[in-house]
Every structure is written in C-alpha cells, then in structure tokens.
Amino acid sequence: MTDRQPVRSWAAWDRDWVSHPDIEDSLDAPTLANHIDRLKFEFLGADLPASGRAIEIGCGSARLLARMGRAAPLELVALDPAPNALAIVRRTAAIAGLRMERVRGDALSLPFPDASFDLVLSGGLLEHFPEPEAVVAEMVRILRPGGTFYADVVPRKLSMFRVRDAGRMLRTEWLMPGVYESSHGPRRYARALERLGCSKPRVRSAGVYPPRTGPALARFVAGLDGTPVADLFGWYFMIAARREPARGRGTT
C-alpha cells in the first residue's frame, strides 16, 4: 500500500469495516451483493474503458472495481480513508486474481495529478457529504478527457431500504452525526457534472427492495429499475458521464 498523504481519521468507519467486512468469497456467487454489482456493471456498459487506469474512491471492499478489472485490462487503484477497508481490498484482489494498488486517501483532496485516470468511480460514497460537489469536482479533476465518471448514490429518501434498515441508520447517525446520509437526488449531481465539463449524464434509479433481500427476489423486481416506481421507492441511483475533451481556442 502507498500512503501518499496524511488523511483525517474516520475511526467510526474503520471500526465498521471490522464488524461488517462486506466481502464475498466469490464475485460469481449467487448473492444479493454480487447481483447489485452486476447491475451496476451492466449500467456502465459501453462507457467502461477498454484499457487504461481505473480508480474507486471510497472503495470499501473494492468489489465493484474488481468487477471492472475482470472485464478489461485496467490498472486498478483502490482509495479509502479506512485502513481496515484497505486490508479487505487485499482479499478482494486475491479472490479476483487481480493486482490493485491500495492508497489511503481523502476524497476531498485526491493525491493524484490532473487527468490521470480513464475511469473514476465511487459506490455509496457521495451521500456522506452534505456538499458533494467538492468530491465530484475532485473525481472529475483526475479524469482524463474522454474518460468515464461513475457513481452510485444512496440518498436519504423514502425507500424500502430505509424501512428495512432503520435501526442501522440510526446507529450510524449516532456515531457520525450529519455524515450518513444527505438527501440530494440525481439532478444535483447531473448539474455538477455538466458544470465541470462532462457530457449529459445517464441516470438510473434502482433497488425497489430491501438491501438484504435474496437475489431471486432482486432479479424479479429488477424490471422496475429505471421506472417512476424506482424513482420513488428505489434505495439508490446510478449516474455516469464522460469528461468532454477541452475545446480548442481560436478555431473557426
């Protein structure tokens, strides 16, 4: 692991990775977590770079990054402020048979130069910031022109997720008041991306079921993803955009 810069301590998150490691023994096992990751991968679709560098910000176990790395010959970087999460990344990489650089870092100050990645992604990260535009701007900053931005977000909203996991949400709020979660919907993120020079984002609402539902039921209700029902009752949404190439000056 490379420690590129000091990081503010998120001790509660680090402890959470000890009690809830969020790791599967296989990326192909018929589990709900793998089903959801496959839906995210399918949403990204043609926007997945054929090669180059990919980074997951706030990577947690980096399962989604591993799925990207299995699909394309990408150089993989996993960044998280929590040392225990980065320890789990080592296991994820071994399970997937991949190499991942592990970096302890802060999403608000990414320790990388401008335009250094072809894919910048985050999963379940941006809702932890009351003003997520700063993190989005950092993600776009390190994205190369033509590269892909991807995020999935779990906003504070009415959903079956919140009904099912109300107790866990309250415990997390008690540990880290104001961090989990913000209520911003897709429009706010889309506006931020377009202001930062990205293409018109693609958005898809999803998850009209409790997050611990079995994979069979999840597959059954997946047809509701991307519909007004998911807009209202889904527990997360996915958003993707490409960073537009800089326009030349003085051209006619």
Protein backbone atom coordinates (compact mmCIF):
# COMPACT_ATOMS: atom_id res chain seq x y z
CA MET A 1 0.00 0.00 0.00
CA THR A 2 1.16 3.51 -0.76
CA ASP A 3 0.46 6.23 1.82
CA ARG A 4 0.54 9.31 -0.36
CA GLN A 5 -0.64 11.90 2.16
CA PRO A 6 -2.00 12.29 5.70
CA VAL A 7 -5.69 11.51 5.98
CA ARG A 8 -8.24 12.73 8.51
CA SER A 9 -9.26 9.87 10.78
CA TRP A 10 -12.72 8.37 10.27
CA ALA A 11 -12.42 5.99 13.21
CA ALA A 12 -16.09 5.00 13.20
CA TRP A 13 -15.93 3.94 9.55
CA ASP A 14 -12.77 1.99 10.24
CA ARG A 15 -14.43 0.14 13.11
CA ASP A 16 -17.42 -0.61 10.89
CA TRP A 17 -15.19 -2.47 8.46
CA VAL A 18 -14.19 -4.82 11.28
CA SER A 19 -17.77 -5.73 12.21
CA HIS A 20 -19.24 -5.60 8.69
CA PRO A 21 -16.46 -6.60 6.28
CA ASP A 22 -18.79 -6.59 3.24
CA ILE A 23 -16.82 -9.15 1.30
CA GLU A 24 -17.90 -12.17 -0.67
CA ASP A 25 -15.84 -15.31 -1.22
CA SER A 26 -16.54 -15.05 -4.96
CA LEU A 27 -17.62 -12.36 -7.41
CA ASP A 28 -19.77 -15.00 -9.09
CA ALA A 29 -21.63 -16.44 -6.09
CA PRO A 30 -25.46 -16.07 -6.28
CA THR A 31 -25.64 -13.38 -3.58
CA LEU A 32 -27.51 -10.10 -3.44
CA ALA A 33 -24.29 -8.07 -3.26
CA ASN A 34 -22.99 -9.67 -6.44
CA HIS A 35 -26.36 -9.22 -8.15
CA ILE A 36 -26.32 -5.49 -7.36
CA ASP A 37 -22.72 -5.16 -8.55
CA ARG A 38 -23.64 -6.86 -11.82
CA LEU A 39 -26.47 -4.36 -12.33
CA LYS A 40 -24.02 -1.50 -11.80
CA PHE A 41 -21.56 -3.06 -14.23
CA GLU A 42 -24.29 -3.52 -16.85
CA PHE A 43 -25.38 0.11 -16.42
CA LEU A 44 -21.84 1.28 -17.11
CA GLY A 45 -21.84 -0.79 -20.30
CA ALA A 46 -20.06 0.78 -23.25
CA ASP A 47 -18.70 3.55 -21.02
CA LEU A 48 -16.25 1.09 -19.46
CA PRO A 49 -12.81 1.92 -20.90
CA ALA A 50 -11.17 -0.82 -22.95
CA SER A 51 -7.86 -0.17 -21.19
CA GLY A 52 -6.05 2.40 -19.06
CA ARG A 53 -6.26 3.29 -15.37
CA ALA A 54 -9.29 2.97 -13.09
CA ILE A 55 -9.76 4.15 -9.52
CA GLU A 56 -12.52 3.61 -6.97
CA ILE A 57 -12.86 6.47 -4.48
CA GLY A 58 -14.06 5.41 -1.03
CA CYS A 59 -13.56 1.88 -2.28
CA GLY A 60 -14.58 -0.10 0.80
CA SER A 61 -14.04 -3.72 -0.24
CA ALA A 62 -13.46 -2.65 -3.90
CA ARG A 63 -15.74 -5.39 -5.23
CA LEU A 64 -17.07 -3.15 -8.00
CA LEU A 65 -13.56 -2.13 -9.04
CA ALA A 66 -12.60 -5.80 -9.19
CA ARG A 67 -15.52 -6.50 -11.49
CA MET A 68 -14.31 -3.73 -13.82
CA GLY A 69 -10.80 -5.17 -13.72
CA ARG A 70 -12.01 -8.62 -14.73
CA ALA A 71 -13.80 -7.17 -17.76
CA ALA A 72 -10.95 -5.05 -19.15
CA PRO A 73 -7.15 -4.90 -18.78
CA LEU A 74 -7.20 -1.91 -16.44
CA GLU A 75 -4.58 -0.72 -13.98
CA LEU A 76 -6.56 -0.67 -10.72
CA VAL A 77 -6.25 1.74 -7.80
CA ALA A 78 -8.39 1.49 -4.65
CA LEU A 79 -8.56 4.54 -2.36
CA ASP A 80 -10.17 4.72 1.08
CA PRO A 81 -9.51 6.59 4.34
CA ALA A 82 -10.07 3.45 6.43
CA PRO A 83 -7.09 1.10 6.92
CA ASN A 84 -9.40 -1.82 7.69
CA ALA A 85 -11.17 -1.33 4.36
CA LEU A 86 -7.85 -1.36 2.54
CA ALA A 87 -6.96 -4.60 4.31
CA ILE A 88 -10.13 -6.12 2.86
CA VAL A 89 -9.17 -4.84 -0.60
CA ARG A 90 -6.15 -7.14 -0.45
CA ARG A 91 -8.53 -10.09 -0.06
CA THR A 92 -10.81 -8.86 -2.84
CA ALA A 93 -7.85 -8.64 -5.21
CA ALA A 94 -6.76 -12.16 -4.30
CA ILE A 95 -10.26 -13.56 -4.84
CA ALA A 96 -10.50 -11.87 -8.24
CA GLY A 97 -6.94 -12.76 -9.24
CA LEU A 98 -6.06 -9.10 -9.81
CA ARG A 99 -3.44 -6.59 -8.77
CA MET A 100 -4.71 -3.45 -7.03
CA GLU A 101 -2.72 -0.53 -5.72
CA ARG A 102 -4.14 0.42 -2.32
CA VAL A 103 -3.99 4.08 -1.31
CA ARG A 104 -5.13 5.62 1.95
CA GLY A 105 -6.54 8.99 0.97
CA ASP A 106 -9.21 11.64 1.34
CA ALA A 107 -11.90 12.06 -1.32
CA LEU A 108 -11.82 15.83 -0.80
CA SER A 109 -8.13 16.02 -1.68
CA LEU A 110 -7.17 13.20 -4.01
CA PRO A 111 -3.40 12.60 -4.11
CA PHE A 112 -3.16 12.33 -7.89
CA PRO A 113 -2.35 14.76 -10.72
CA ASP A 114 -4.98 16.11 -13.08
CA ALA A 115 -6.23 13.88 -15.89
CA SER A 116 -4.56 10.69 -14.65
CA PHE A 117 -7.38 8.10 -14.88
CA ASP A 118 -9.65 6.73 -17.60
CA LEU A 119 -12.36 5.60 -15.16
CA VAL A 120 -13.16 7.22 -11.81
CA LEU A 121 -15.91 5.57 -9.82
CA SER A 122 -17.48 5.57 -6.38
CA GLY A 123 -20.14 3.42 -4.78
CA GLY A 124 -22.15 4.56 -1.76
CA LEU A 125 -19.78 7.45 -1.07
CA LEU A 126 -21.21 10.77 -2.19
CA GLU A 127 -24.24 10.67 0.11
CA HIS A 128 -21.88 11.01 3.08
CA PHE A 129 -21.06 14.62 2.15
CA PRO A 130 -23.55 17.47 2.70
CA GLU A 131 -21.95 19.33 -0.23
CA PRO A 132 -20.91 16.51 -2.58
CA GLU A 133 -19.91 18.86 -5.39
CA ALA A 134 -16.41 19.16 -3.90
CA VAL A 135 -15.87 15.41 -4.14
CA VAL A 136 -17.39 15.25 -7.63
CA ALA A 137 -15.02 18.04 -8.71
CA GLU A 138 -12.03 16.10 -7.38
CA MET A 139 -13.17 12.97 -9.20
CA VAL A 140 -13.56 14.87 -12.47
CA ARG A 141 -10.23 16.65 -11.96
CA ILE A 142 -8.28 13.39 -12.07
CA LEU A 143 -10.33 12.07 -15.01
CA ARG A 144 -8.78 12.23 -18.46
CA PRO A 145 -10.74 13.88 -21.31
CA GLY A 146 -12.96 11.20 -22.78
CA GLY A 147 -12.79 9.22 -19.54
CA THR A 148 -15.79 7.95 -17.60
CA PHE A 149 -17.24 9.14 -14.30
CA TYR A 150 -19.49 6.68 -12.47
CA ALA A 151 -21.17 6.85 -9.07
CA ASP A 152 -23.98 5.11 -7.29
CA VAL A 153 -25.62 7.07 -4.51
CA VAL A 154 -27.88 6.11 -1.59
CA PRO A 155 -29.77 9.32 -0.75
CA ARG A 156 -31.81 9.92 2.37
CA LYS A 157 -35.28 9.37 0.97
CA LEU A 158 -38.36 7.23 1.33
CA SER A 159 -37.45 3.72 0.23
CA MET A 160 -37.80 0.12 1.28
CA PHE A 161 -34.12 0.27 2.21
CA ARG A 162 -34.79 2.85 4.91
CA VAL A 163 -37.73 0.88 6.31
CA ARG A 164 -35.72 -2.34 6.47
CA ASP A 165 -32.50 -0.84 7.86
CA ALA A 166 -33.89 1.96 10.03
CA GLY A 167 -32.09 0.68 13.14
CA ARG A 168 -28.68 0.57 11.46
CA MET A 169 -29.22 4.05 10.04
CA LEU A 170 -29.97 5.43 13.50
CA ARG A 171 -26.87 3.77 14.96
CA THR A 172 -24.68 5.23 12.23
CA GLU A 173 -26.15 8.70 12.69
CA TRP A 174 -25.40 8.45 16.40
CA LEU A 175 -21.78 7.53 15.71
CA MET A 176 -21.25 10.15 12.99
CA PRO A 177 -23.97 12.83 13.14
CA GLY A 178 -24.68 14.51 9.83
CA VAL A 179 -22.45 12.21 7.79
CA TYR A 180 -24.89 9.46 6.82
CA GLU A 181 -26.73 10.47 4.64
CA SER A 182 -27.59 13.52 2.51
CA SER A 183 -30.81 13.65 0.52
CA HIS A 184 -29.53 15.02 -2.78
CA GLY A 185 -31.09 13.42 -5.84
CA PRO A 186 -29.76 12.85 -9.37
CA ARG A 187 -30.43 16.38 -10.63
CA ARG A 188 -27.93 17.96 -8.27
CA TYR A 189 -25.17 15.56 -9.33
CA ALA A 190 -26.06 15.92 -13.01
CA ARG A 191 -25.84 19.71 -12.81
CA ALA A 192 -22.47 19.48 -11.08
CA LEU A 193 -21.08 17.15 -13.73
CA GLU A 194 -22.24 19.31 -16.62
CA ARG A 195 -20.76 22.42 -14.98
CA LEU A 196 -17.47 20.54 -14.72
CA GLY A 197 -17.40 19.85 -18.45
CA CYS A 198 -18.92 16.39 -18.63
CA SER A 199 -21.43 15.06 -21.11
CA LYS A 200 -25.12 14.92 -20.22
CA PRO A 201 -25.20 12.22 -17.54
CA ARG A 202 -27.12 8.97 -17.78
CA VAL A 203 -29.14 8.24 -14.63
CA ARG A 204 -30.97 5.12 -13.50
CA SER A 205 -32.88 4.68 -10.24
CA ALA A 206 -32.83 1.17 -8.80
CA GLY A 207 -33.38 -1.05 -5.79
CA VAL A 208 -37.12 -1.36 -5.15
CA TYR A 209 -36.45 -3.89 -2.38
CA PRO A 210 -34.69 -4.10 0.98
CA PRO A 211 -30.92 -4.45 0.54
CA ARG A 212 -30.86 -7.83 2.28
CA THR A 213 -33.49 -9.35 0.02
CA GLY A 214 -32.44 -12.62 -1.60
CA PRO A 215 -31.03 -12.47 -5.13
CA ALA A 216 -34.03 -14.30 -6.62
CA LEU A 217 -36.47 -11.60 -5.50
CA ALA A 218 -33.99 -8.91 -6.51
CA ARG A 219 -33.85 -10.30 -10.05
CA PHE A 220 -37.65 -10.47 -10.15
CA VAL A 221 -38.12 -6.80 -9.25
CA ALA A 222 -35.14 -5.55 -11.32
CA GLY A 223 -37.60 -4.78 -14.10
CA LEU A 224 -38.74 -1.82 -12.01
CA ASP A 225 -35.28 -0.22 -12.20
CA GLY A 226 -35.29 2.95 -14.26
CA THR A 227 -39.06 3.43 -13.87
CA PRO A 228 -41.04 6.05 -11.91
CA VAL A 229 -41.57 3.38 -9.25
CA ALA A 230 -37.82 3.18 -8.73
CA ASP A 231 -37.58 6.98 -8.74
CA LEU A 232 -39.97 6.98 -5.78
CA PHE A 233 -39.11 3.82 -3.85
CA GLY A 234 -35.68 2.66 -5.05
CA TRP A 235 -32.91 2.93 -2.46
CA TYR A 236 -30.13 4.03 -4.80
CA PHE A 237 -29.42 5.52 -8.21
CA MET A 238 -26.56 5.23 -10.68
CA ILE A 239 -25.10 8.11 -12.66
CA ALA A 240 -22.45 8.08 -15.40
CA ALA A 241 -20.94 10.70 -17.69
CA ARG A 242 -17.88 11.26 -19.83
CA ARG A 243 -15.48 14.12 -19.41
CA GLU A 244 -15.62 16.11 -22.61
CA PRO A 245 -12.35 16.94 -24.39
CA ALA A 246 -11.26 20.53 -23.87
CA ARG A 247 -12.43 22.74 -26.70
CA GLY A 248 -9.65 24.39 -28.67
CA ARG A 249 -9.39 28.14 -28.67
CA GLY A 250 -9.12 30.30 -31.68
CA THR A 251 -10.64 27.76 -34.04
CA THR A 252 -13.15 28.57 -36.72
